[in-house]
C-alpha atoms as a PDB file:
ATOM      1  CA  MET A   1     -37.660  10.348  44.904  1.00  0.00           C
ATOM      2  CA  GLU A   2     -34.053   9.805  46.112  1.00  0.00           C
ATOM      3  CA  ARG A   3     -32.927   6.170  45.867  1.00  0.00           C
ATOM      4  CA  ARG A   4     -30.493   4.863  48.503  1.00  0.00           C
ATOM      5  CA  LEU A   5     -27.828   2.677  46.939  1.00  0.00           C
ATOM      6  CA  VAL A   6     -25.527   0.600  49.144  1.00  0.00           C
ATOM      7  CA  ILE A   7     -22.254  -0.988  48.077  1.00  0.00           C
ATOM      8  CA  VAL A   8     -20.894  -3.583  50.475  1.00  0.00           C
ATOM      9  CA  ALA A   9     -17.135  -3.802  50.721  1.00  0.00           C
ATOM     10  CA  GLY A  10     -14.909  -6.142  52.776  1.00  0.00           C
ATOM     11  CA  PRO A  11     -11.301  -6.509  53.459  1.00  0.00           C
ATOM     12  CA  GLY A  12      -9.177  -6.828  50.249  1.00  0.00           C
ATOM     13  CA  VAL A  13     -11.987  -5.377  48.074  1.00  0.00           C
ATOM     14  CA  GLN A  14     -11.089  -4.526  44.495  1.00  0.00           C
ATOM     15  CA  MET A  15     -11.237  -0.699  44.486  1.00  0.00           C
ATOM     16  CA  LEU A  16     -12.810  -0.484  40.978  1.00  0.00           C
ATOM     17  CA  ASP A  17     -15.664  -2.730  42.021  1.00  0.00           C
ATOM     18  CA  VAL A  18     -16.700   0.047  44.380  1.00  0.00           C
ATOM     19  CA  SER A  19     -15.494   3.290  42.684  1.00  0.00           C
ATOM     20  CA  GLY A  20     -16.715   2.257  39.146  1.00  0.00           C
ATOM     21  CA  PRO A  21     -20.413   2.023  40.008  1.00  0.00           C
ATOM     22  CA  LEU A  22     -20.183   5.016  42.343  1.00  0.00           C
ATOM     23  CA  ASP A  23     -18.927   7.183  39.514  1.00  0.00           C
ATOM     24  CA  VAL A  24     -21.718   6.033  37.224  1.00  0.00           C
ATOM     25  CA  PHE A  25     -24.430   6.867  39.758  1.00  0.00           C
ATOM     26  CA  ALA A  26     -22.723  10.196  40.604  1.00  0.00           C
ATOM     27  CA  GLU A  27     -22.661  11.081  36.857  1.00  0.00           C
ATOM     28  CA  ALA A  28     -26.397  10.045  36.637  1.00  0.00           C
ATOM     29  CA  ASN A  29     -27.142  12.708  39.261  1.00  0.00           C
ATOM     30  CA  VAL A  30     -25.275  15.289  37.231  1.00  0.00           C
ATOM     31  CA  GLN A  31     -27.071  14.389  34.021  1.00  0.00           C
ATOM     32  CA  ALA A  32     -30.450  14.327  35.739  1.00  0.00           C
ATOM     33  CA  GLY A  33     -29.752  17.710  37.430  1.00  0.00           C
ATOM     34  CA  ARG A  34     -30.859  16.390  40.771  1.00  0.00           C
ATOM     35  CA  ALA A  35     -29.924  13.860  43.485  1.00  0.00           C
ATOM     36  CA  VAL A  36     -31.491  10.717  42.110  1.00  0.00           C
ATOM     37  CA  TYR A  37     -29.074   8.449  44.006  1.00  0.00           C
ATOM     38  CA  ARG A  38     -27.677   8.704  47.447  1.00  0.00           C
ATOM     39  CA  THR A  39     -24.835   6.251  47.553  1.00  0.00           C
ATOM     40  CA  GLU A  40     -23.084   4.821  50.617  1.00  0.00           C
ATOM     41  CA  ILE A  41     -20.339   2.271  51.256  1.00  0.00           C
ATOM     42  CA  VAL A  42     -21.001  -0.283  53.948  1.00  0.00           C
ATOM     43  CA  SER A  43     -18.095  -2.112  55.351  1.00  0.00           C
ATOM     44  CA  ALA A  44     -18.292  -5.794  56.335  1.00  0.00           C
ATOM     45  CA  GLN A  45     -15.821  -4.997  59.203  1.00  0.00           C
ATOM     46  CA  ALA A  46     -14.069  -1.779  60.236  1.00  0.00           C
ATOM     47  CA  THR A  47     -14.912   1.592  58.720  1.00  0.00           C
ATOM     48  CA  THR A  48     -11.416   1.759  57.127  1.00  0.00           C
ATOM     49  CA  ILE A  49     -11.015  -0.895  54.438  1.00  0.00           C
ATOM     50  CA  ALA A  50      -7.724  -2.077  53.132  1.00  0.00           C
ATOM     51  CA  THR A  51      -8.270  -2.690  49.410  1.00  0.00           C
ATOM     52  CA  SER A  52      -6.481  -5.193  47.145  1.00  0.00           C
ATOM     53  CA  SER A  53      -4.367  -2.384  45.655  1.00  0.00           C
ATOM     54  CA  GLY A  54      -3.117  -1.304  49.086  1.00  0.00           C
ATOM     55  CA  ALA A  55      -5.130   1.942  49.169  1.00  0.00           C
ATOM     56  CA  ARG A  56      -7.494   2.638  52.040  1.00  0.00           C
ATOM     57  CA  LEU A  57     -11.189   3.078  51.506  1.00  0.00           C
ATOM     58  CA  LEU A  58     -13.379   4.886  54.073  1.00  0.00           C
ATOM     59  CA  ALA A  59     -16.812   3.387  54.527  1.00  0.00           C
ATOM     60  CA  ASP A  60     -19.863   5.422  55.492  1.00  0.00           C
ATOM     61  CA  ARG A  61     -20.761   2.784  58.099  1.00  0.00           C
ATOM     62  CA  THR A  62     -20.434  -0.857  58.939  1.00  0.00           C
ATOM     63  CA  ILE A  63     -22.938  -3.717  58.954  1.00  0.00           C
ATOM     64  CA  PHE A  64     -22.961  -3.511  62.771  1.00  0.00           C
ATOM     65  CA  ASP A  65     -24.239   0.078  62.834  1.00  0.00           C
ATOM     66  CA  ALA A  66     -27.971   0.786  62.992  1.00  0.00           C
ATOM     67  CA  ASP A  67     -29.675   0.257  59.687  1.00  0.00           C
ATOM     68  CA  PRO A  68     -31.434   3.404  58.535  1.00  0.00           C
ATOM     69  CA  GLY A  69     -34.052   1.415  56.638  1.00  0.00           C
ATOM     70  CA  ALA A  70     -34.516  -0.747  53.560  1.00  0.00           C
ATOM     71  CA  PRO A  71     -32.170   0.448  50.756  1.00  0.00           C
ATOM     72  CA  ASP A  72     -33.376   0.640  47.116  1.00  0.00           C
ATOM     73  CA  THR A  73     -30.356  -1.226  45.788  1.00  0.00           C
ATOM     74  CA  VAL A  74     -27.620  -3.439  47.426  1.00  0.00           C
ATOM     75  CA  LEU A  75     -24.497  -4.384  45.441  1.00  0.00           C
ATOM     76  CA  VAL A  76     -21.694  -6.563  47.024  1.00  0.00           C
ATOM     77  CA  ALA A  77     -18.219  -5.657  45.652  1.00  0.00           C
ATOM     78  CA  GLY A  78     -15.697  -8.475  44.954  1.00  0.00           C
ATOM     79  CA  SER A  79     -12.144  -9.113  45.918  1.00  0.00           C
ATOM     80  CA  PRO A  80      -9.388 -11.320  44.377  1.00  0.00           C
ATOM     81  CA  ASP A  81      -9.548 -13.813  47.247  1.00  0.00           C
ATOM     82  CA  ALA A  82     -13.340 -14.075  47.563  1.00  0.00           C
ATOM     83  CA  PRO A  83     -13.395 -17.538  45.818  1.00  0.00           C
ATOM     84  CA  HIS A  84     -10.936 -18.800  48.444  1.00  0.00           C
ATOM     85  CA  ARG A  85     -12.435 -17.769  51.732  1.00  0.00           C
ATOM     86  CA  ARG A  86     -15.845 -17.984  53.369  1.00  0.00           C
ATOM     87  CA  PRO A  87     -17.582 -14.690  54.228  1.00  0.00           C
ATOM     88  CA  ALA A  88     -17.930 -13.819  57.903  1.00  0.00           C
ATOM     89  CA  ALA A  89     -21.127 -15.103  59.529  1.00  0.00           C
ATOM     90  CA  ALA A  90     -22.114 -11.542  60.518  1.00  0.00           C
ATOM     91  CA  LEU A  91     -21.941 -10.467  56.808  1.00  0.00           C
ATOM     92  CA  LEU A  92     -24.025 -13.390  55.686  1.00  0.00           C
ATOM     93  CA  ASP A  93     -26.592 -12.612  58.322  1.00  0.00           C
ATOM     94  CA  TRP A  94     -26.667  -9.008  57.257  1.00  0.00           C
ATOM     95  CA  LEU A  95     -27.050  -9.882  53.612  1.00  0.00           C
ATOM     96  CA  ARG A  96     -29.931 -12.372  54.386  1.00  0.00           C
ATOM     97  CA  ARG A  97     -31.673  -9.649  56.392  1.00  0.00           C
ATOM     98  CA  THR A  98     -30.999  -6.642  54.065  1.00  0.00           C
ATOM     99  CA  ALA A  99     -30.723  -7.676  50.448  1.00  0.00           C
ATOM    100  CA  PRO A 100     -34.244  -9.241  50.111  1.00  0.00           C
ATOM    101  CA  SER A 101     -35.771  -5.957  51.604  1.00  0.00           C
ATOM    102  CA  ALA A 102     -34.211  -3.926  48.766  1.00  0.00           C
ATOM    103  CA  ARG A 103     -35.977  -3.392  45.436  1.00  0.00           C
ATOM    104  CA  ARG A 104     -32.970  -5.149  43.782  1.00  0.00           C
ATOM    105  CA  PHE A 105     -29.681  -6.563  44.886  1.00  0.00           C
ATOM    106  CA  GLY A 106     -26.701  -8.154  43.282  1.00  0.00           C
ATOM    107  CA  SER A 107     -22.923  -8.177  42.963  1.00  0.00           C
ATOM    108  CA  VAL A 108     -19.864  -6.944  41.102  1.00  0.00           C
ATOM    109  CA  CYS A 109     -17.252  -9.471  40.092  1.00  0.00           C
ATOM    110  CA  THR A 110     -16.592 -12.101  42.873  1.00  0.00           C
ATOM    111  CA  GLY A 111     -19.028 -10.370  45.308  1.00  0.00           C
ATOM    112  CA  ALA A 112     -21.333 -13.091  43.933  1.00  0.00           C
ATOM    113  CA  PHE A 113     -19.712 -15.597  46.243  1.00  0.00           C
ATOM    114  CA  ALA A 114     -21.034 -13.797  49.436  1.00  0.00           C
ATOM    115  CA  LEU A 115     -24.523 -13.761  48.030  1.00  0.00           C
ATOM    116  CA  ALA A 116     -24.240 -17.442  46.949  1.00  0.00           C
ATOM    117  CA  GLU A 117     -23.010 -18.425  50.418  1.00  0.00           C
ATOM    118  CA  ALA A 118     -25.957 -16.563  51.994  1.00  0.00           C
ATOM    119  CA  GLY A 119     -28.333 -18.570  49.798  1.00  0.00           C
ATOM    120  CA  LEU A 120     -29.721 -15.557  48.014  1.00  0.00           C
ATOM    121  CA  LEU A 121     -28.748 -16.703  44.427  1.00  0.00           C
ATOM    122  CA  ASP A 122     -30.347 -20.208  44.399  1.00  0.00           C
ATOM    123  CA  GLY A 123     -32.273 -20.796  41.181  1.00  0.00           C
ATOM    124  CA  CYS A 124     -31.050 -17.553  39.677  1.00  0.00           C
ATOM    125  CA  ARG A 125     -29.125 -16.717  36.509  1.00  0.00           C
ATOM    126  CA  ILE A 126     -26.049 -14.770  37.389  1.00  0.00           C
ATOM    127  CA  THR A 127     -22.582 -13.939  36.234  1.00  0.00           C
ATOM    128  CA  THR A 128     -19.170 -13.353  37.880  1.00  0.00           C
ATOM    129  CA  HIS A 129     -15.496 -12.887  36.708  1.00  0.00           C
ATOM    130  CA  TRP A 130     -14.783 -15.406  33.923  1.00  0.00           C
ATOM    131  CA  ALA A 131     -11.835 -16.854  35.999  1.00  0.00           C
ATOM    132  CA  ALA A 132     -14.133 -17.658  38.961  1.00  0.00           C
ATOM    133  CA  ALA A 133     -17.209 -18.800  37.072  1.00  0.00           C
ATOM    134  CA  ASP A 134     -16.398 -22.456  37.189  1.00  0.00           C
ATOM    135  CA  ALA A 135     -15.591 -22.440  40.849  1.00  0.00           C
ATOM    136  CA  LEU A 136     -18.886 -20.668  41.669  1.00  0.00           C
ATOM    137  CA  ALA A 137     -20.864 -23.059  39.575  1.00  0.00           C
ATOM    138  CA  ARG A 138     -19.239 -26.110  41.165  1.00  0.00           C
ATOM    139  CA  ARG A 139     -19.585 -24.869  44.787  1.00  0.00           C
ATOM    140  CA  TYR A 140     -23.231 -23.696  44.363  1.00  0.00           C
ATOM    141  CA  PRO A 141     -24.923 -25.986  41.846  1.00  0.00           C
ATOM    142  CA  ALA A 142     -28.348 -24.452  42.419  1.00  0.00           C
ATOM    143  CA  ILE A 143     -27.077 -21.317  40.645  1.00  0.00           C
ATOM    144  CA  ARG A 144     -27.045 -20.949  36.870  1.00  0.00           C
ATOM    145  CA  VAL A 145     -23.693 -19.210  36.095  1.00  0.00           C
ATOM    146  CA  GLU A 146     -23.379 -17.482  32.707  1.00  0.00           C
ATOM    147  CA  PRO A 147     -19.525 -17.176  32.397  1.00  0.00           C
ATOM    148  CA  ASP A 148     -19.579 -15.001  29.117  1.00  0.00           C
ATOM    149  CA  ALA A 149     -22.145 -12.442  30.239  1.00  0.00           C
ATOM    150  CA  ILE A 150     -20.942  -8.893  31.132  1.00  0.00           C
ATOM    151  CA  GLN A 151     -24.018  -8.393  33.255  1.00  0.00           C
ATOM    152  CA  VAL A 152     -27.191 -10.400  34.033  1.00  0.00           C
ATOM    153  CA  ARG A 153     -30.541  -9.416  35.383  1.00  0.00           C
ATOM    154  CA  ASP A 154     -32.814 -12.070  36.785  1.00  0.00           C
ATOM    155  CA  GLY A 155     -35.830 -10.671  38.634  1.00  0.00           C
ATOM    156  CA  PRO A 156     -34.507  -8.465  41.449  1.00  0.00           C
ATOM    157  CA  VAL A 157     -30.970  -9.962  41.130  1.00  0.00           C
ATOM    158  CA  CYS A 158     -28.482  -8.069  39.115  1.00  0.00           C
ATOM    159  CA  THR A 159     -24.853  -9.294  38.737  1.00  0.00           C
ATOM    160  CA  ALA A 160     -21.851  -8.077  36.858  1.00  0.00           C
ATOM    161  CA  ALA A 161     -18.827  -9.877  35.534  1.00  0.00           C
ATOM    162  CA  GLY A 162     -15.173  -8.989  36.396  1.00  0.00           C
ATOM    163  CA  VAL A 163     -14.113  -5.570  37.757  1.00  0.00           C
ATOM    164  CA  THR A 164     -14.871  -3.046  34.965  1.00  0.00           C
ATOM    165  CA  ALA A 165     -18.157  -4.697  34.281  1.00  0.00           C
ATOM    166  CA  GLY A 166     -19.454  -3.041  37.391  1.00  0.00           C
ATOM    167  CA  LEU A 167     -19.702   0.080  35.276  1.00  0.00           C
ATOM    168  CA  ASP A 168     -21.740  -1.722  32.695  1.00  0.00           C
ATOM    169  CA  LEU A 169     -24.133  -2.993  35.313  1.00  0.00           C
ATOM    170  CA  ALA A 170     -24.512   0.487  36.858  1.00  0.00           C
ATOM    171  CA  VAL A 171     -25.222   2.011  33.434  1.00  0.00           C
ATOM    172  CA  ALA A 172     -27.857  -0.662  32.909  1.00  0.00           C
ATOM    173  CA  LEU A 173     -29.482   0.151  36.226  1.00  0.00           C
ATOM    174  CA  VAL A 174     -29.445   3.789  35.343  1.00  0.00           C
ATOM    175  CA  GLU A 175     -31.082   3.093  32.100  1.00  0.00           C
ATOM    176  CA  GLU A 176     -33.794   1.066  33.969  1.00  0.00           C
ATOM    177  CA  ASP A 177     -34.382   3.941  36.399  1.00  0.00           C
ATOM    178  CA  LEU A 178     -33.958   7.069  34.258  1.00  0.00           C
ATOM    179  CA  GLY A 179     -34.209   6.011  30.582  1.00  0.00           C
ATOM    180  CA  ARG A 180     -31.980   5.095  27.669  1.00  0.00           C
ATOM    181  CA  GLU A 181     -31.046   8.604  26.632  1.00  0.00           C
ATOM    182  CA  LEU A 182     -29.802   9.701  30.067  1.00  0.00           C
ATOM    183  CA  ALA A 183     -27.894   6.440  30.472  1.00  0.00           C
ATOM    184  CA  LYS A 184     -26.258   6.985  27.139  1.00  0.00           C
ATOM    185  CA  ARG A 185     -25.036  10.448  28.187  1.00  0.00           C
ATOM    186  CA  VAL A 186     -23.641   9.001  31.377  1.00  0.00           C
ATOM    187  CA  ALA A 187     -21.739   6.421  29.330  1.00  0.00           C
ATOM    188  CA  ALA A 188     -20.469   9.032  26.935  1.00  0.00           C
ATOM    189  CA  GLN A 189     -19.232  11.257  29.719  1.00  0.00           C
ATOM    190  CA  LEU A 190     -17.393   8.313  31.276  1.00  0.00           C
ATOM    191  CA  VAL A 191     -15.881   7.303  27.901  1.00  0.00           C
ATOM    192  CA  MET A 192     -17.267   3.890  27.950  1.00  0.00           C
ATOM    193  CA  PHE A 193     -19.526   1.695  25.747  1.00  0.00           C
ATOM    194  CA  PHE A 194     -23.231   2.119  26.451  1.00  0.00           C
ATOM    195  CA  LYS A 195     -23.591  -1.498  25.520  1.00  0.00           C
ATOM    196  CA  ARG A 196     -20.263  -3.281  25.444  1.00  0.00           C
ATOM    197  CA  PRO A 197     -19.779  -5.427  22.321  1.00  0.00           C
ATOM    198  CA  GLY A 198     -19.122  -9.129  22.943  1.00  0.00           C
ATOM    199  CA  GLY A 199     -18.920 -11.039  26.217  1.00  0.00           C
ATOM    200  CA  GLN A 200     -16.254 -11.216  28.825  1.00  0.00           C
ATOM    201  CA  MET A 201     -14.636 -14.437  27.517  1.00  0.00           C
ATOM    202  CA  GLN A 202     -12.975 -12.167  24.873  1.00  0.00           C
ATOM    203  CA  PHE A 203     -10.703 -11.129  27.863  1.00  0.00           C
ATOM    204  CA  SER A 204     -10.185 -14.692  29.176  1.00  0.00           C
ATOM    205  CA  ARG A 205      -6.609 -16.121  29.131  1.00  0.00           C
ATOM    206  CA  SER A 206      -7.790 -19.621  30.147  1.00  0.00           C
ATOM    207  CA  GLY A 207      -7.959 -20.986  26.603  1.00  0.00           C
ATOM    208  CA  ALA A 208      -9.514 -24.418  26.105  1.00  0.00           C
ATOM    209  CA  ALA A 209     -10.830 -26.337  29.059  1.00  0.00           C
ATOM    210  CA  GLU A 210      -8.279 -28.282  31.120  1.00  0.00           C
ATOM    211  CA  PRO A 211      -8.112 -32.002  30.194  1.00  0.00           C
ATOM    212  CA  SER A 212     -10.603 -34.038  32.374  1.00  0.00           C
ATOM    213  CA  GLY A 213     -12.006 -37.500  32.517  1.00  0.00           C
ATOM    214  CA  ARG A 214     -10.070 -40.776  32.775  1.00  0.00           C
ATOM    215  CA  ALA A 215      -6.391 -40.857  31.604  1.00  0.00           C
ATOM    216  CA  VAL A 216      -7.029 -42.099  28.085  1.00  0.00           C
ATOM    217  CA  LEU A 217      -9.430 -39.178  27.441  1.00  0.00           C
ATOM    218  CA  GLN A 218      -6.995 -36.687  28.960  1.00  0.00           C
ATOM    219  CA  GLU A 219      -4.314 -37.956  26.637  1.00  0.00           C
ATOM    220  CA  VAL A 220      -6.621 -37.493  23.603  1.00  0.00           C
ATOM    221  CA  GLN A 221      -7.399 -33.969  24.789  1.00  0.00           C
ATOM    222  CA  ARG A 222      -3.747 -33.042  25.194  1.00  0.00           C
ATOM    223  CA  TRP A 223      -3.074 -34.402  21.627  1.00  0.00           C
ATOM    224  CA  ILE A 224      -5.852 -32.164  20.228  1.00  0.00           C
ATOM    225  CA  ALA A 225      -4.551 -29.126  22.037  1.00  0.00           C
ATOM    226  CA  ALA A 226      -0.991 -29.776  20.834  1.00  0.00           C
ATOM    227  CA  ALA A 227      -1.949 -30.402  17.211  1.00  0.00           C
ATOM    228  CA  PRO A 228      -5.247 -28.516  16.525  1.00  0.00           C
ATOM    229  CA  ALA A 229      -4.841 -28.702  12.719  1.00  0.00           C
ATOM    230  CA  GLU A 230      -4.734 -32.506  12.591  1.00  0.00           C
ATOM    231  CA  ASP A 231      -7.740 -34.699  11.686  1.00  0.00           C
ATOM    232  CA  HIS A 232      -9.782 -34.935  14.954  1.00  0.00           C
ATOM    233  CA  SER A 233     -12.793 -36.829  13.711  1.00  0.00           C
ATOM    234  CA  VAL A 234     -14.449 -39.011  16.211  1.00  0.00           C
ATOM    235  CA  ALA A 235     -13.265 -42.101  14.349  1.00  0.00           C
ATOM    236  CA  ARG A 236      -9.622 -40.855  14.472  1.00  0.00           C
ATOM    237  CA  LEU A 237      -9.834 -39.853  18.231  1.00  0.00           C
ATOM    238  CA  ALA A 238     -11.461 -43.195  19.090  1.00  0.00           C
ATOM    239  CA  GLU A 239      -8.700 -45.028  17.254  1.00  0.00           C
ATOM    240  CA  ARG A 240      -6.086 -43.114  19.259  1.00  0.00           C
ATOM    241  CA  ALA A 241      -7.976 -44.030  22.451  1.00  0.00           C
ATOM    242  CA  GLY A 242      -8.246 -47.718  21.551  1.00  0.00           C
ATOM    243  CA  LEU A 243     -12.092 -47.544  21.748  1.00  0.00           C
ATOM    244  CA  SER A 244     -14.895 -47.916  19.267  1.00  0.00           C
ATOM    245  CA  PRO A 245     -16.233 -44.621  17.923  1.00  0.00           C
ATOM    246  CA  ARG A 246     -19.621 -45.028  19.550  1.00  0.00           C
ATOM    247  CA  HIS A 247     -18.184 -45.965  22.928  1.00  0.00           C
ATOM    248  CA  PHE A 248     -15.633 -43.153  22.768  1.00  0.00           C
ATOM    249  CA  ALA A 249     -18.154 -40.560  21.883  1.00  0.00           C
ATOM    250  CA  ARG A 250     -20.481 -41.678  24.784  1.00  0.00           C
ATOM    251  CA  LEU A 251     -17.686 -41.895  27.319  1.00  0.00           C
ATOM    252  CA  PHE A 252     -16.279 -38.466  26.265  1.00  0.00           C
ATOM    253  CA  ARG A 253     -19.589 -36.794  26.658  1.00  0.00           C
ATOM    254  CA  SER A 254     -20.272 -38.426  30.016  1.00  0.00           C
ATOM    255  CA  GLU A 255     -16.823 -37.712  31.565  1.00  0.00           C
ATOM    256  CA  VAL A 256     -15.755 -34.403  29.931  1.00  0.00           C
ATOM    257  CA  GLY A 257     -19.183 -32.839  29.819  1.00  0.00           C
ATOM    258  CA  MET A 258     -19.278 -32.066  26.033  1.00  0.00           C
ATOM    259  CA  THR A 259     -18.947 -33.759  22.745  1.00  0.00           C
ATOM    260  CA  PRO A 260     -15.595 -34.496  21.150  1.00  0.00           C
ATOM    261  CA  ALA A 261     -16.467 -32.155  18.357  1.00  0.00           C
ATOM    262  CA  ASP A 262     -17.217 -29.279  20.811  1.00  0.00           C
ATOM    263  CA  TRP A 263     -13.980 -29.915  22.640  1.00  0.00           C
ATOM    264  CA  VAL A 264     -11.993 -29.871  19.342  1.00  0.00           C
ATOM    265  CA  GLU A 265     -13.658 -26.574  18.313  1.00  0.00           C
ATOM    266  CA  ALA A 266     -12.867 -24.969  21.677  1.00  0.00           C
ATOM    267  CA  ALA A 267      -9.246 -26.102  21.439  1.00  0.00           C
ATOM    268  CA  ARG A 268      -8.904 -24.778  17.933  1.00  0.00           C
ATOM    269  CA  VAL A 269     -10.364 -21.403  18.914  1.00  0.00           C
ATOM    270  CA  ALA A 270      -7.937 -21.177  21.804  1.00  0.00           C
ATOM    271  CA  ALA A 271      -5.039 -21.973  19.506  1.00  0.00           C
ATOM    272  CA  ALA A 272      -6.373 -19.385  16.971  1.00  0.00           C
ATOM    273  CA  ARG A 273      -6.486 -16.723  19.798  1.00  0.00           C
ATOM    274  CA  ARG A 274      -2.908 -17.368  20.742  1.00  0.00           C
ATOM    275  CA  ARG A 275      -1.742 -17.029  17.085  1.00  0.00           C
ATOM    276  CA  LEU A 276      -3.853 -13.883  16.523  1.00  0.00           C
ATOM    277  CA  GLU A 277      -2.308 -12.242  19.619  1.00  0.00           C
ATOM    278  CA  ALA A 278       1.359 -13.320  19.325  1.00  0.00           C
ATOM    279  CA  GLU A 279       2.034 -13.665  15.642  1.00  0.00           C
ATOM    280  CA  GLY A 280      -0.038 -11.012  13.944  1.00  0.00           C
ATOM    281  CA  LEU A 281      -1.255 -13.405  11.298  1.00  0.00           C
ATOM    282  CA  SER A 282      -4.363 -12.768   9.295  1.00  0.00           C
ATOM    283  CA  PRO A 283      -7.528 -14.761  10.062  1.00  0.00           C
ATOM    284  CA  LYS A 284      -7.146 -16.678   6.801  1.00  0.00           C
ATOM    285  CA  GLN A 285      -3.605 -17.811   7.836  1.00  0.00           C
ATOM    286  CA  VAL A 286      -4.760 -18.591  11.356  1.00  0.00           C
ATOM    287  CA  ALA A 287      -7.620 -20.794  10.066  1.00  0.00           C
ATOM    288  CA  ALA A 288      -5.236 -22.878   8.058  1.00  0.00           C
ATOM    289  CA  LEU A 289      -2.895 -23.335  10.943  1.00  0.00           C
ATOM    290  CA  THR A 290      -5.492 -24.354  13.527  1.00  0.00           C
ATOM    291  CA  GLY A 291      -7.737 -26.792  11.720  1.00  0.00           C
ATOM    292  CA  PHE A 292     -10.520 -24.604  10.397  1.00  0.00           C
ATOM    293  CA  ALA A 293     -11.633 -25.220   6.804  1.00  0.00           C
ATOM    294  CA  ASN A 294     -11.475 -21.455   6.016  1.00  0.00           C
ATOM    295  CA  ALA A 295     -11.595 -18.050   7.527  1.00  0.00           C
ATOM    296  CA  ASP A 296     -15.380 -17.986   7.510  1.00  0.00           C
ATOM    297  CA  THR A 297     -15.569 -21.216   9.527  1.00  0.00           C
ATOM    298  CA  LEU A 298     -13.051 -19.683  11.974  1.00  0.00           C
ATOM    299  CA  ARG A 299     -15.031 -16.561  12.176  1.00  0.00           C
ATOM    300  CA  ARG A 300     -18.296 -18.406  13.149  1.00  0.00           C
ATOM    301  CA  ALA A 301     -16.619 -20.561  15.769  1.00  0.00           C
ATOM    302  CA  PHE A 302     -14.685 -17.563  17.109  1.00  0.00           C
ATOM    303  CA  VAL A 303     -17.911 -15.557  17.625  1.00  0.00           C
ATOM    304  CA  ARG A 304     -19.539 -18.457  19.347  1.00  0.00           C
ATOM    305  CA  HIS A 305     -16.713 -18.827  21.843  1.00  0.00           C
ATOM    306  CA  VAL A 306     -15.228 -15.329  22.183  1.00  0.00           C
ATOM    307  CA  GLY A 307     -18.219 -13.078  21.236  1.00  0.00           C
ATOM    308  CA  ILE A 308     -16.361 -11.066  18.589  1.00  0.00           C
ATOM    309  CA  THR A 309     -14.767 -11.675  15.267  1.00  0.00           C
ATOM    310  CA  PRO A 310     -11.056 -12.650  14.814  1.00  0.00           C
ATOM    311  CA  ALA A 311     -10.526  -9.360  12.952  1.00  0.00           C
ATOM    312  CA  GLU A 312     -12.005  -7.354  15.806  1.00  0.00           C
ATOM    313  CA  PHE A 313     -10.026  -9.417  18.325  1.00  0.00           C
ATOM    314  CA  ARG A 314      -6.852  -8.469  16.538  1.00  0.00           C
ATOM    315  CA  ARG A 315      -7.679  -4.798  16.563  1.00  0.00           C
ATOM    316  CA  ARG A 316      -8.494  -4.883  20.296  1.00  0.00           C
ATOM    317  CA  ASN A 317      -5.205  -6.495  21.036  1.00  0.00           C
ATOM    318  CA  GLY A 318      -3.260  -3.902  19.055  1.00  0.00           C
ATOM    319  CA  VAL A 319      -2.366  -6.285  16.189  1.00  0.00           C
ATOM    320  CA  GLY A 320      -2.463  -5.158  12.519  1.00  0.00           C
END
């Protein structure tokens, strides 16, 4: 049975959010030796779409054209400005009408903002581009955003992280439909990981969280970030803030949203990343310079925050 797969694209869409999944499904047809997927691009406005790269994309139809029936899958492609503008009312109406009628629906990158605005992600676990994850979570608190995930499946909802993660999601959907071996052949033909190692935060350049809370807490956070190798025990931080250790820890957790120890670890990992990228130091050297007891402690913290080891991070960034 042929599956009709719709990718929704609006003005300023990121080209790879559309073309990446399309290439995966096209290759799946080749590997299957038959037309398993019939793909179409549906535009939120005019048939000709100006993409974020300046290239023009020609849609098969628009949301205003007659609907040929319920699709098997609906994916909303993202755009760099999606977090900063509200989707058109006509697109939201179309999504509310069409997406729930599909077997599955979801988004690539910041396409999640349109689905969220339409109310279709409430109560769901989803992901989006790491740089937009906080904004999405703040704007739509009923959604559980997983900022490190490459792709997330929650019931009929399937979402991918930033840009190239649309390929990962498409391969996962092919595996669901046609089996692991065929999906692995698709990934091999496209020279991509079948299951990408690590999460998307390994690509983040945001570092540690921005200082938050009242002024005295922000001053403490800036001190931690500036001198990650210093003694940042609760007692020492509380002394710097002029508070008792118990009151400081409670206040920090309440206003910053994490414990002082967790913030210190995140700041040290961010500092370690910068040194691994820019200076070409070994993990052992970086551990000593960023406040970790040894290379093994750094490794465990790095894997928790970045998803890969410091050594692997160096290799992927062309260092050493």
